[in-house]
Amino acid sequence: EISMYGENCIEFVFPGESIFSLHEVCSVFDMVKRFDDS
């Protein structure tokens, strides 16, 4: 809901920290702020 991407937007959830990612880790704080500011 807060990401505003809707159902089925969560592709993967896994315990632990990813070892390698092509993407930078996003800030939950920034996502909530983006929602509020939008």
Full PDB file with SEQRES, HELIX, SHEET, SSBOND, CRYST1, ORIGX, SCALE, CONECT and MASTER records, all heavy atoms in Angstrom:
SEQRES   1 A   38  GLU ILE SER MET TYR GLY GLU ASN CYS ILE GLU PHE VAL          
SEQRES   2 A   38  PHE PRO GLY GLU SER ILE PHE SER LEU HIS GLU VAL CYS          
SEQRES   3 A   38  SER VAL PHE ASP MET VAL LYS ARG PHE ASP ASP SER              
HELIX    1 AA1 VAL A   28  ASP A   37  1                                  10    
CRYST1    1.000    1.000    1.000  90.00  90.00  90.00 P 1           1          
ORIGX1      1.000000  0.000000  0.000000        0.00000                         
ORIGX2      0.000000  1.000000  0.000000        0.00000                         
ORIGX3      0.000000  0.000000  1.000000        0.00000                         
SCALE1      1.000000  0.000000  0.000000        0.00000                         
SCALE2      0.000000  1.000000  0.000000        0.00000                         
SCALE3      0.000000  0.000000  1.000000        0.00000                         
ATOM      1  N   GLU A   1       0.802  -1.220   0.000  1.00  0.00           N  
ATOM      2  CA  GLU A   1       0.000   0.000   0.000  1.00  0.00           C  
ATOM      3  C   GLU A   1       0.839   1.276   0.000  1.00  0.00           C  
ATOM      4  O   GLU A   1       0.570   2.194  -0.774  1.00  0.00           O  
ATOM      5  CB  GLU A   1      -0.955   0.006   1.198  1.00  0.00           C  
ATOM      6  CG  GLU A   1      -1.952  -1.132   1.175  1.00  0.00           C  
ATOM      7  CD  GLU A   1      -2.880  -1.100  -0.042  1.00  0.00           C  
ATOM      8  OE1 GLU A   1      -3.146  -0.025  -0.591  1.00  0.00           O  
ATOM      9  OE2 GLU A   1      -3.353  -2.182  -0.435  1.00  0.00           O  
ATOM     10  N   ILE A   2       1.833   1.349   0.856  1.00  0.00           N  
ATOM     11  CA  ILE A   2       2.621   2.578   0.989  1.00  0.00           C  
ATOM     12  C   ILE A   2       3.569   2.760  -0.193  1.00  0.00           C  
ATOM     13  O   ILE A   2       3.869   3.883  -0.599  1.00  0.00           O  
ATOM     14  CB  ILE A   2       3.364   2.621   2.340  1.00  0.00           C  
ATOM     15  CG1 ILE A   2       2.362   2.568   3.505  1.00  0.00           C  
ATOM     16  CG2 ILE A   2       4.249   3.851   2.452  1.00  0.00           C  
ATOM     17  CD1 ILE A   2       1.336   3.701   3.534  1.00  0.00           C  
ATOM     18  N   SER A   3       4.022   1.664  -0.795  1.00  0.00           N  
ATOM     19  CA  SER A   3       4.859   1.806  -1.996  1.00  0.00           C  
ATOM     20  C   SER A   3       4.022   2.291  -3.176  1.00  0.00           C  
ATOM     21  O   SER A   3       4.551   2.824  -4.131  1.00  0.00           O  
ATOM     22  CB  SER A   3       5.521   0.475  -2.366  1.00  0.00           C  
ATOM     23  OG  SER A   3       4.562  -0.447  -2.872  1.00  0.00           O  
ATOM     24  N   MET A   4       2.706   2.094  -3.088  1.00  0.00           N  
ATOM     25  CA  MET A   4       1.741   2.450  -4.136  1.00  0.00           C  
ATOM     26  C   MET A   4       1.901   1.585  -5.376  1.00  0.00           C  
ATOM     27  O   MET A   4       1.427   1.928  -6.441  1.00  0.00           O  
ATOM     28  CB  MET A   4       1.802   3.943  -4.482  1.00  0.00           C  
ATOM     29  CG  MET A   4       1.434   4.841  -3.326  1.00  0.00           C  
ATOM     30  SD  MET A   4       1.434   6.588  -3.709  1.00  0.00           S  
ATOM     31  CE  MET A   4       3.167   6.916  -3.902  1.00  0.00           C  
ATOM     32  N   TYR A   5       2.568   0.434  -5.248  1.00  0.00           N  
ATOM     33  CA  TYR A   5       2.731  -0.479  -6.370  1.00  0.00           C  
ATOM     34  C   TYR A   5       1.661  -1.566  -6.377  1.00  0.00           C  
ATOM     35  O   TYR A   5       1.540  -2.303  -7.350  1.00  0.00           O  
ATOM     36  CB  TYR A   5       4.117  -1.122  -6.364  1.00  0.00           C  
ATOM     37  CG  TYR A   5       5.261  -0.137  -6.469  1.00  0.00           C  
ATOM     38  CD1 TYR A   5       6.495  -0.435  -5.930  1.00  0.00           C  
ATOM     39  CD2 TYR A   5       5.103   1.092  -7.106  1.00  0.00           C  
ATOM     40  CE1 TYR A   5       7.560   0.448  -6.022  1.00  0.00           C  
ATOM     41  CE2 TYR A   5       6.151   1.987  -7.187  1.00  0.00           C  
ATOM     42  CZ  TYR A   5       7.377   1.666  -6.655  1.00  0.00           C  
ATOM     43  OH  TYR A   5       8.430   2.541  -6.738  1.00  0.00           O  
ATOM     44  N   GLY A   6       0.923  -1.696  -5.297  1.00  0.00           N  
ATOM     45  CA  GLY A   6      -0.214  -2.611  -5.250  1.00  0.00           C  
ATOM     46  C   GLY A   6       0.136  -4.067  -5.017  1.00  0.00           C  
ATOM     47  O   GLY A   6       1.272  -4.426  -4.723  1.00  0.00           O  
ATOM     48  N   GLU A   7      -0.896  -4.903  -5.171  1.00  0.00           N  
ATOM     49  CA  GLU A   7      -0.742  -6.335  -4.931  1.00  0.00           C  
ATOM     50  C   GLU A   7       0.282  -6.953  -5.879  1.00  0.00           C  
ATOM     51  O   GLU A   7       0.446  -6.514  -7.006  1.00  0.00           O  
ATOM     52  CB  GLU A   7      -2.073  -7.042  -5.121  1.00  0.00           C  
ATOM     53  CG  GLU A   7      -3.090  -6.732  -4.047  1.00  0.00           C  
ATOM     54  CD  GLU A   7      -4.373  -7.512  -4.234  1.00  0.00           C  
ATOM     55  OE1 GLU A   7      -4.417  -8.432  -5.076  1.00  0.00           O  
ATOM     56  OE2 GLU A   7      -5.343  -7.185  -3.536  1.00  0.00           O  
ATOM     57  N   ASN A   8       0.924  -7.960  -5.399  1.00  0.00           N  
ATOM     58  CA  ASN A   8       1.888  -8.750  -6.171  1.00  0.00           C  
ATOM     59  C   ASN A   8       3.148  -7.983  -6.560  1.00  0.00           C  
ATOM     60  O   ASN A   8       3.860  -8.398  -7.467  1.00  0.00           O  
ATOM     61  CB  ASN A   8       1.239  -9.354  -7.419  1.00  0.00           C  
ATOM     62  CG  ASN A   8       0.064 -10.228  -7.070  1.00  0.00           C  
ATOM     63  OD1 ASN A   8       0.117 -10.991  -6.119  1.00  0.00           O  
ATOM     64  ND2 ASN A   8      -1.008 -10.093  -7.822  1.00  0.00           N  
ATOM     65  N   CYS A   9       3.433  -6.865  -5.894  1.00  0.00           N  
ATOM     66  CA  CYS A   9       4.659  -6.132  -6.213  1.00  0.00           C  
ATOM     67  C   CYS A   9       5.871  -6.744  -5.517  1.00  0.00           C  
ATOM     68  O   CYS A   9       6.999  -6.532  -5.932  1.00  0.00           O  
ATOM     69  CB  CYS A   9       4.529  -4.655  -5.848  1.00  0.00           C  
ATOM     70  SG  CYS A   9       4.431  -4.320  -4.078  1.00  0.00           S  
ATOM     71  N   ILE A  10       5.639  -7.533  -4.471  1.00  0.00           N  
ATOM     72  CA  ILE A  10       6.749  -8.139  -3.746  1.00  0.00           C  
ATOM     73  C   ILE A  10       7.130  -9.435  -4.452  1.00  0.00           C  
ATOM     74  O   ILE A  10       6.394 -10.404  -4.442  1.00  0.00           O  
ATOM     75  CB  ILE A  10       6.391  -8.373  -2.268  1.00  0.00           C  
ATOM     76  CG1 ILE A  10       6.081  -7.018  -1.617  1.00  0.00           C  
ATOM     77  CG2 ILE A  10       7.526  -9.096  -1.551  1.00  0.00           C  
ATOM     78  CD1 ILE A  10       5.601  -7.106  -0.190  1.00  0.00           C  
ATOM     79  N   GLU A  11       8.271  -9.406  -5.100  1.00  0.00           N  
ATOM     80  CA  GLU A  11       8.735 -10.537  -5.898  1.00  0.00           C  
ATOM     81  C   GLU A  11       9.428 -11.594  -5.062  1.00  0.00           C  
ATOM     82  O   GLU A  11       9.221 -12.779  -5.252  1.00  0.00           O  
ATOM     83  CB  GLU A  11       9.694 -10.060  -6.991  1.00  0.00           C  
ATOM     84  CG  GLU A  11       9.050  -9.230  -8.053  1.00  0.00           C  
ATOM     85  CD  GLU A  11       8.123 -10.034  -8.959  1.00  0.00           C  
ATOM     86  OE1 GLU A  11       8.382 -11.223  -9.201  1.00  0.00           O  
ATOM     87  OE2 GLU A  11       7.114  -9.464  -9.401  1.00  0.00           O  
ATOM     88  N   PHE A  12      10.300 -11.162  -4.161  1.00  0.00           N  
ATOM     89  CA  PHE A  12      11.074 -12.091  -3.353  1.00  0.00           C  
ATOM     90  C   PHE A  12      11.180 -11.566  -1.935  1.00  0.00           C  
ATOM     91  O   PHE A  12      11.327 -10.362  -1.729  1.00  0.00           O  
ATOM     92  CB  PHE A  12      12.503 -12.261  -3.882  1.00  0.00           C  
ATOM     93  CG  PHE A  12      12.577 -12.800  -5.279  1.00  0.00           C  
ATOM     94  CD1 PHE A  12      12.811 -11.952  -6.350  1.00  0.00           C  
ATOM     95  CD2 PHE A  12      12.415 -14.151  -5.518  1.00  0.00           C  
ATOM     96  CE1 PHE A  12      12.880 -12.438  -7.637  1.00  0.00           C  
ATOM     97  CE2 PHE A  12      12.483 -14.649  -6.807  1.00  0.00           C  
ATOM     98  CZ  PHE A  12      12.710 -13.790  -7.869  1.00  0.00           C  
ATOM     99  N   VAL A  13      11.129 -12.482  -0.992  1.00  0.00           N  
ATOM    100  CA  VAL A  13      11.418 -12.187   0.413  1.00  0.00           C  
ATOM    101  C   VAL A  13      12.286 -13.329   0.902  1.00  0.00           C  
ATOM    102  O   VAL A  13      11.936 -14.490   0.737  1.00  0.00           O  
ATOM    103  CB  VAL A  13      10.134 -12.137   1.273  1.00  0.00           C  
ATOM    104  CG1 VAL A  13      10.487 -11.892   2.730  1.00  0.00           C  
ATOM    105  CG2 VAL A  13       9.164 -11.088   0.755  1.00  0.00           C  
ATOM    106  N   PHE A  14      13.431 -12.983   1.449  1.00  0.00           N  
ATOM    107  CA  PHE A  14      14.258 -14.050   1.982  1.00  0.00           C  
ATOM    108  C   PHE A  14      14.948 -13.587   3.259  1.00  0.00           C  
ATOM    109  O   PHE A  14      15.245 -12.400   3.408  1.00  0.00           O  
ATOM    110  CB  PHE A  14      15.272 -14.580   0.956  1.00  0.00           C  
ATOM    111  CG  PHE A  14      16.133 -13.537   0.325  1.00  0.00           C  
ATOM    112  CD1 PHE A  14      17.362 -13.222   0.863  1.00  0.00           C  
ATOM    113  CD2 PHE A  14      15.717 -12.886  -0.832  1.00  0.00           C  
ATOM    114  CE1 PHE A  14      18.173 -12.269   0.264  1.00  0.00           C  
ATOM    115  CE2 PHE A  14      16.521 -11.931  -1.439  1.00  0.00           C  
ATOM    116  CZ  PHE A  14      17.751 -11.623  -0.884  1.00  0.00           C  
ATOM    117  N   PRO A  15      15.140 -14.524   4.192  1.00  0.00           N  
ATOM    118  CA  PRO A  15      15.808 -14.165   5.440  1.00  0.00           C  
ATOM    119  C   PRO A  15      17.271 -13.846   5.177  1.00  0.00           C  
ATOM    120  O   PRO A  15      17.904 -14.444   4.312  1.00  0.00           O  
ATOM    121  CB  PRO A  15      15.650 -15.403   6.319  1.00  0.00           C  
ATOM    122  CG  PRO A  15      15.298 -16.504   5.397  1.00  0.00           C  
ATOM    123  CD  PRO A  15      14.732 -15.914   4.155  1.00  0.00           C  
ATOM    124  N   GLY A  16      17.770 -12.896   5.917  1.00  0.00           N  
ATOM    125  CA  GLY A  16      19.176 -12.523   5.794  1.00  0.00           C  
ATOM    126  C   GLY A  16      19.378 -11.375   4.821  1.00  0.00           C  
ATOM    127  O   GLY A  16      18.444 -10.820   4.270  1.00  0.00           O  
ATOM    128  N   GLU A  17      20.627 -11.077   4.637  1.00  0.00           N  
ATOM    129  CA  GLU A  17      21.028  -9.974   3.778  1.00  0.00           C  
ATOM    130  C   GLU A  17      21.492 -10.523   2.441  1.00  0.00           C  
ATOM    131  O   GLU A  17      22.157 -11.560   2.392  1.00  0.00           O  
ATOM    132  CB  GLU A  17      22.165  -9.212   4.452  1.00  0.00           C  
ATOM    133  CG  GLU A  17      22.496  -7.905   3.812  1.00  0.00           C  
ATOM    134  CD  GLU A  17      23.450  -7.099   4.682  1.00  0.00           C  
ATOM    135  OE1 GLU A  17      23.591  -7.405   5.875  1.00  0.00           O  
ATOM    136  OE2 GLU A  17      24.058  -6.170   4.137  1.00  0.00           O  
ATOM    137  N   SER A  18      21.131  -9.828   1.374  1.00  0.00           N  
ATOM    138  CA  SER A  18      21.583 -10.303   0.066  1.00  0.00           C  
ATOM    139  C   SER A  18      23.096 -10.118  -0.033  1.00  0.00           C  
ATOM    140  O   SER A  18      23.649  -9.129   0.423  1.00  0.00           O  
ATOM    141  CB  SER A  18      20.876  -9.556  -1.067  1.00  0.00           C  
ATOM    142  OG  SER A  18      21.232  -8.194  -1.068  1.00  0.00           O  
ATOM    143  N   ILE A  19      23.740 -11.078  -0.622  1.00  0.00           N  
ATOM    144  CA  ILE A  19      25.191 -11.029  -0.768  1.00  0.00           C  
ATOM    145  C   ILE A  19      25.575 -10.112  -1.919  1.00  0.00           C  
ATOM    146  O   ILE A  19      26.518  -9.360  -1.862  1.00  0.00           O  
ATOM    147  CB  ILE A  19      25.752 -12.446  -0.996  1.00  0.00           C  
ATOM    148  CG1 ILE A  19      25.493 -13.278   0.253  1.00  0.00           C  
ATOM    149  CG2 ILE A  19      27.228 -12.411  -1.320  1.00  0.00           C  
ATOM    150  CD1 ILE A  19      25.817 -14.735   0.109  1.00  0.00           C  
ATOM    151  N   PHE A  20      24.770 -10.163  -2.969  1.00  0.00           N  
ATOM    152  CA  PHE A  20      25.076  -9.362  -4.157  1.00  0.00           C  
ATOM    153  C   PHE A  20      23.768  -8.877  -4.758  1.00  0.00           C  
ATOM    154  O   PHE A  20      22.804  -9.625  -4.829  1.00  0.00           O  
ATOM    155  CB  PHE A  20      25.834 -10.208  -5.182  1.00  0.00           C  
ATOM    156  CG  PHE A  20      26.094  -9.473  -6.463  1.00  0.00           C  
ATOM    157  CD1 PHE A  20      27.067  -8.499  -6.534  1.00  0.00           C  
ATOM    158  CD2 PHE A  20      25.337  -9.746  -7.581  1.00  0.00           C  
ATOM    159  CE1 PHE A  20      27.309  -7.816  -7.715  1.00  0.00           C  
ATOM    160  CE2 PHE A  20      25.570  -9.065  -8.771  1.00  0.00           C  
ATOM    161  CZ  PHE A  20      26.554  -8.099  -8.833  1.00  0.00           C  
ATOM    162  N   SER A  21      23.748  -7.644  -5.166  1.00  0.00           N  
ATOM    163  CA  SER A  21      22.554  -7.100  -5.810  1.00  0.00           C  
ATOM    164  C   SER A  21      22.993  -6.065  -6.829  1.00  0.00           C  
ATOM    165  O   SER A  21      23.949  -5.322  -6.606  1.00  0.00           O  
ATOM    166  CB  SER A  21      21.628  -6.443  -4.781  1.00  0.00           C  
ATOM    167  OG  SER A  21      20.554  -5.838  -5.445  1.00  0.00           O  
ATOM    168  N   LEU A  22      22.297  -6.034  -7.928  1.00  0.00           N  
ATOM    169  CA  LEU A  22      22.559  -5.002  -8.925  1.00  0.00           C  
ATOM    170  C   LEU A  22      21.916  -3.684  -8.528  1.00  0.00           C  
ATOM    171  O   LEU A  22      22.144  -2.667  -9.157  1.00  0.00           O  
ATOM    172  CB  LEU A  22      21.997  -5.440 -10.283  1.00  0.00           C  
ATOM    173  CG  LEU A  22      22.632  -6.683 -10.893  1.00  0.00           C  
ATOM    174  CD1 LEU A  22      21.887  -7.065 -12.166  1.00  0.00           C  
ATOM    175  CD2 LEU A  22      24.099  -6.455 -11.185  1.00  0.00           C  
ATOM    176  N   HIS A  23      21.119  -3.733  -7.476  1.00  0.00           N  
ATOM    177  CA  HIS A  23      20.374  -2.555  -7.047  1.00  0.00           C  
ATOM    178  C   HIS A  23      20.824  -2.104  -5.665  1.00  0.00           C  
ATOM    179  O   HIS A  23      21.122  -2.920  -4.798  1.00  0.00           O  
ATOM    180  CB  HIS A  23      18.873  -2.872  -7.003  1.00  0.00           C  
ATOM    181  CG  HIS A  23      18.352  -3.321  -8.327  1.00  0.00           C  
ATOM    182  ND1 HIS A  23      18.043  -2.453  -9.334  1.00  0.00           N  
ATOM    183  CD2 HIS A  23      18.112  -4.553  -8.822  1.00  0.00           C  
ATOM    184  CE1 HIS A  23      17.624  -3.121 -10.385  1.00  0.00           C  
ATOM    185  NE2 HIS A  23      17.663  -4.398 -10.102  1.00  0.00           N  
ATOM    186  N   GLU A  24      20.857  -0.815  -5.474  1.00  0.00           N  
ATOM    187  CA  GLU A  24      21.172  -0.238  -4.187  1.00  0.00           C  
ATOM    188  C   GLU A  24      20.002  -0.496  -3.231  1.00  0.00           C  
ATOM    189  O   GLU A  24      18.847  -0.528  -3.642  1.00  0.00           O  
ATOM    190  CB  GLU A  24      21.367   1.265  -4.374  1.00  0.00           C  
ATOM    191  CG  GLU A  24      21.801   2.002  -3.142  1.00  0.00           C  
ATOM    192  CD  GLU A  24      22.063   3.462  -3.439  1.00  0.00           C  
ATOM    193  OE1 GLU A  24      22.658   3.773  -4.480  1.00  0.00           O  
ATOM    194  OE2 GLU A  24      21.641   4.287  -2.623  1.00  0.00           O  
ATOM    195  N   VAL A  25      20.302  -0.671  -1.959  1.00  0.00           N  
ATOM    196  CA  VAL A  25      19.243  -0.858  -0.973  1.00  0.00           C  
ATOM    197  C   VAL A  25      18.506   0.462  -0.801  1.00  0.00           C  
ATOM    198  O   VAL A  25      19.119   1.521  -0.637  1.00  0.00           O  
ATOM    199  CB  VAL A  25      19.819  -1.335   0.369  1.00  0.00           C  
ATOM    200  CG1 VAL A  25      18.731  -1.387   1.443  1.00  0.00           C  
ATOM    201  CG2 VAL A  25      20.474  -2.692   0.209  1.00  0.00           C  
ATOM    202  N   CYS A  26      17.178   0.401  -0.877  1.00  0.00           N  
ATOM    203  CA  CYS A  26      16.335   1.585  -0.756  1.00  0.00           C  
ATOM    204  C   CYS A  26      15.992   1.842   0.706  1.00  0.00           C  
ATOM    205  O   CYS A  26      15.976   0.927   1.526  1.00  0.00           O  
ATOM    206  CB  CYS A  26      15.044   1.401  -1.548  1.00  0.00           C  
ATOM    207  SG  CYS A  26      15.305   1.192  -3.313  1.00  0.00           S  
ATOM    208  N   SER A  27      15.674   3.062   0.999  1.00  0.00           N  
ATOM    209  CA  SER A  27      15.318   3.463   2.347  1.00  0.00           C  
ATOM    210  C   SER A  27      13.806   3.366   2.555  1.00  0.00           C  
ATOM    211  O   SER A  27      13.028   3.944   1.797  1.00  0.00           O  
ATOM    212  CB  SER A  27      15.772   4.904   2.587  1.00  0.00           C  
ATOM    213  OG  SER A  27      15.170   5.422   3.742  1.00  0.00           O  
ATOM    214  N   VAL A  28      13.392   2.632   3.597  1.00  0.00           N  
ATOM    215  CA  VAL A  28      11.979   2.569   3.954  1.00  0.00           C  
ATOM    216  C   VAL A  28      11.503   3.966   4.338  1.00  0.00           C  
ATOM    217  O   VAL A  28      10.401   4.372   3.998  1.00  0.00           O  
ATOM    218  CB  VAL A  28      11.742   1.564   5.103  1.00  0.00           C  
ATOM    219  CG1 VAL A  28      10.315   1.616   5.592  1.00  0.00           C  
ATOM    220  CG2 VAL A  28      12.108   0.153   4.656  1.00  0.00           C  
ATOM    221  N   PHE A  29      12.352   4.719   5.028  1.00  0.00           N  
ATOM    222  CA  PHE A  29      12.000   6.078   5.415  1.00  0.00           C  
ATOM    223  C   PHE A  29      11.687   6.936   4.185  1.00  0.00           C  
ATOM    224  O   PHE A  29      10.717   7.690   4.165  1.00  0.00           O  
ATOM    225  CB  PHE A  29      13.134   6.727   6.222  1.00  0.00           C  
ATOM    226  CG  PHE A  29      13.468   5.989   7.485  1.00  0.00           C  
ATOM    227  CD1 PHE A  29      14.622   5.236   7.563  1.00  0.00           C  
ATOM    228  CD2 PHE A  29      12.629   6.020   8.589  1.00  0.00           C  
ATOM    229  CE1 PHE A  29      14.944   4.538   8.716  1.00  0.00           C  
ATOM    230  CE2 PHE A  29      12.939   5.329   9.745  1.00  0.00           C  
ATOM    231  CZ  PHE A  29      14.099   4.583   9.817  1.00  0.00           C  
ATOM    232  N   ASP A  30      12.515   6.802   3.148  1.00  0.00           N  
ATOM    233  CA  ASP A  30      12.290   7.561   1.916  1.00  0.00           C  
ATOM    234  C   ASP A  30      10.999   7.131   1.226  1.00  0.00           C  
ATOM    235  O   ASP A  30      10.302   7.952   0.634  1.00  0.00           O  
ATOM    236  CB  ASP A  30      13.467   7.408   0.957  1.00  0.00           C  
ATOM    237  CG  ASP A  30      14.709   8.146   1.432  1.00  0.00           C  
ATOM    238  OD1 ASP A  30      14.593   8.999   2.349  1.00  0.00           O  
ATOM    239  OD2 ASP A  30      15.789   7.868   0.891  1.00  0.00           O  
ATOM    240  N   MET A  31      10.667   5.832   1.280  1.00  0.00           N  
ATOM    241  CA  MET A  31       9.427   5.358   0.656  1.00  0.00           C  
ATOM    242  C   MET A  31       8.215   5.975   1.347  1.00  0.00           C  
ATOM    243  O   MET A  31       7.283   6.435   0.692  1.00  0.00           O  
ATOM    244  CB  MET A  31       9.329   3.838   0.703  1.00  0.00           C  
ATOM    245  CG  MET A  31       8.048   3.319   0.070  1.00  0.00           C  
ATOM    246  SD  MET A  31       7.836   1.529   0.109  1.00  0.00           S  
ATOM    247  CE  MET A  31       7.889   1.200   1.838  1.00  0.00           C  
ATOM    248  N   VAL A  32       8.234   6.018   2.672  1.00  0.00           N  
ATOM    249  CA  VAL A  32       7.117   6.614   3.419  1.00  0.00           C  
ATOM    250  C   VAL A  32       7.037   8.104   3.123  1.00  0.00           C  
ATOM    251  O   VAL A  32       5.950   8.650   2.910  1.00  0.00           O  
ATOM    252  CB  VAL A  32       7.258   6.338   4.932  1.00  0.00           C  
ATOM    253  CG1 VAL A  32       6.219   7.109   5.726  1.00  0.00           C  
ATOM    254  CG2 VAL A  32       7.143   4.839   5.204  1.00  0.00           C  
ATOM    255  N   LYS A  33       8.183   8.766   3.062  1.00  0.00           N  
ATOM    256  CA  LYS A  33       8.203  10.201   2.732  1.00  0.00           C  
ATOM    257  C   LYS A  33       7.673  10.435   1.320  1.00  0.00           C  
ATOM    258  O   LYS A  33       6.910  11.372   1.082  1.00  0.00           O  
ATOM    259  CB  LYS A  33       9.617  10.758   2.877  1.00  0.00           C  
ATOM    260  CG  LYS A  33       9.711  12.250   2.643  1.00  0.00           C  
ATOM    261  CD  LYS A  33      11.092  12.755   2.919  1.00  0.00           C  
ATOM    262  CE  LYS A  33      11.305  14.222   2.744  1.00  0.00           C  
ATOM    263  NZ  LYS A  33      10.406  14.978   1.976  1.00  0.00           N  
ATOM    264  N   ARG A  34       8.054   9.577   0.375  1.00  0.00           N  
ATOM    265  CA  ARG A  34       7.566   9.680  -1.003  1.00  0.00           C  
ATOM    266  C   ARG A  34       6.047   9.565  -1.034  1.00  0.00           C  
ATOM    267  O   ARG A  34       5.370  10.306  -1.734  1.00  0.00           O  
ATOM    268  CB  ARG A  34       8.223   8.595  -1.856  1.00  0.00           C  
ATOM    269  CG  ARG A  34       7.791   8.594  -3.312  1.00  0.00           C  
ATOM    270  CD  ARG A  34       8.548   7.527  -4.106  1.00  0.00           C  
ATOM    271  NE  ARG A  34       8.123   6.199  -3.691  1.00  0.00           N  
ATOM    272  CZ  ARG A  34       8.877   5.116  -3.743  1.00  0.00           C  
ATOM    273  NH1 ARG A  34      10.115   5.183  -4.183  1.00  0.00           N  
ATOM    274  NH2 ARG A  34       8.407   3.950  -3.362  1.00  0.00           N  
ATOM    275  N   PHE A  35       5.504   8.639  -0.244  1.00  0.00           N  
ATOM    276  CA  PHE A  35       4.053   8.481  -0.148  1.00  0.00           C  
ATOM    277  C   PHE A  35       3.412   9.759   0.386  1.00  0.00           C  
ATOM    278  O   PHE A  35       2.445  10.262  -0.182  1.00  0.00           O  
ATOM    279  CB  PHE A  35       3.717   7.294   0.755  1.00  0.00           C  
ATOM    280  CG  PHE A  35       2.250   7.119   1.000  1.00  0.00           C  
ATOM    281  CD1 PHE A  35       1.456   6.460   0.072  1.00  0.00           C  
ATOM    282  CD2 PHE A  35       1.657   7.606   2.150  1.00  0.00           C  
ATOM    283  CE1 PHE A  35       0.101   6.298   0.283  1.00  0.00           C  
ATOM    284  CE2 PHE A  35       0.305   7.444   2.377  1.00  0.00           C  
ATOM    285  CZ  PHE A  35      -0.473   6.790   1.447  1.00  0.00           C  
ATOM    286  N   ASP A  36       3.970  10.301   1.470  1.00  0.00           N  
ATOM    287  CA  ASP A  36       3.412  11.508   2.078  1.00  0.00           C  
ATOM    288  C   ASP A  36       3.505  12.710   1.143  1.00  0.00           C  
ATOM    289  O   ASP A  36       2.567  13.502   1.044  1.00  0.00           O  
ATOM    290  CB  ASP A  36       4.116  11.832   3.396  1.00  0.00           C  
ATOM    291  CG  ASP A  36       3.739  10.865   4.510  1.00  0.00           C  
ATOM    292  OD1 ASP A  36       2.667  10.227   4.419  1.00  0.00           O  
ATOM    293  OD2 ASP A  36       4.529  10.744   5.469  1.00  0.00           O  
ATOM    294  N   ASP A  37       4.628  12.843   0.442  1.00  0.00           N  
ATOM    295  CA  ASP A  37       4.854  13.988  -0.429  1.00  0.00           C  
ATOM    296  C   ASP A  37       4.104  13.907  -1.756  1.00  0.00           C  
ATOM    297  O   ASP A  37       3.904  14.923  -2.417  1.00  0.00           O  
ATOM    298  CB  ASP A  37       6.349  14.158  -0.738  1.00  0.00           C  
ATOM    299  CG  ASP A  37       7.146  14.553   0.491  1.00  0.00           C  
ATOM    300  OD1 ASP A  37       6.540  14.929   1.519  1.00  0.00           O  
ATOM    301  OD2 ASP A  37       8.397  14.476   0.430  1.00  0.00           O  
ATOM    302  N   SER A  38       3.675  12.716  -2.142  1.00  0.00           N  
ATOM    303  CA  SER A  38       3.077  12.524  -3.465  1.00  0.00           C  
ATOM    304  C   SER A  38       1.666  13.066  -3.599  1.00  0.00           C  
ATOM    305  O   SER A  38       1.176  13.240  -4.700  1.00  0.00           O  
ATOM    306  CB  SER A  38       3.055  11.034  -3.818  1.00  0.00           C  
ATOM    307  OG  SER A  38       2.071  10.380  -3.033  1.00  0.00           O  
TER     308      SER A  38                                                      
MASTER        0    0    0    1    0    0    0    6  307    1    0    3          
END                                                                             
